[in-house]
Amino acid sequence: MSGVELEQFIKDIFAAKGINCKTTPASGDFGVDLIAHLNSKKIAIQCKRFKDMVGFSAVQEVYTGKDLYECNEAWVITNSTFSKQAEHASKKLKIKLINVCNIFDQIQLTN
């Protein structure tokens, strides 16, 4: 699965749950791949298909993109794991880190 295929997969999961989710432009997206509207929240989502751990830069990018897209929350969704630095930063910045295997649980918790 490519990075673009992961984005589409996640978008399809949201659609299956009846959640409006749109892709951002392929380039110049400010670290946000998808915008989801869940209840009254607008969520900036960065999708990372990695073999290795997802690092701090993913958290940093989606944190910035959240404000640029005027979202209430920001999530990083990956097929991999997160570095300790990414986990620490996400707690401070209130960014949700999600493994794609747990996406259904996260949608239900937020829903």
Foldseek 3Di string as FASTA:
>chain_A
DDQVVQLVVLCVVCVVVVWDKDADDPPPQQLFGMWICAPNWTEGEHEDEDPDADEQVSVVSQLRSCVVVVTPAYEYEYCYHHDPRNVVVCVVSVYHYYYPVCVVVVSVVRD
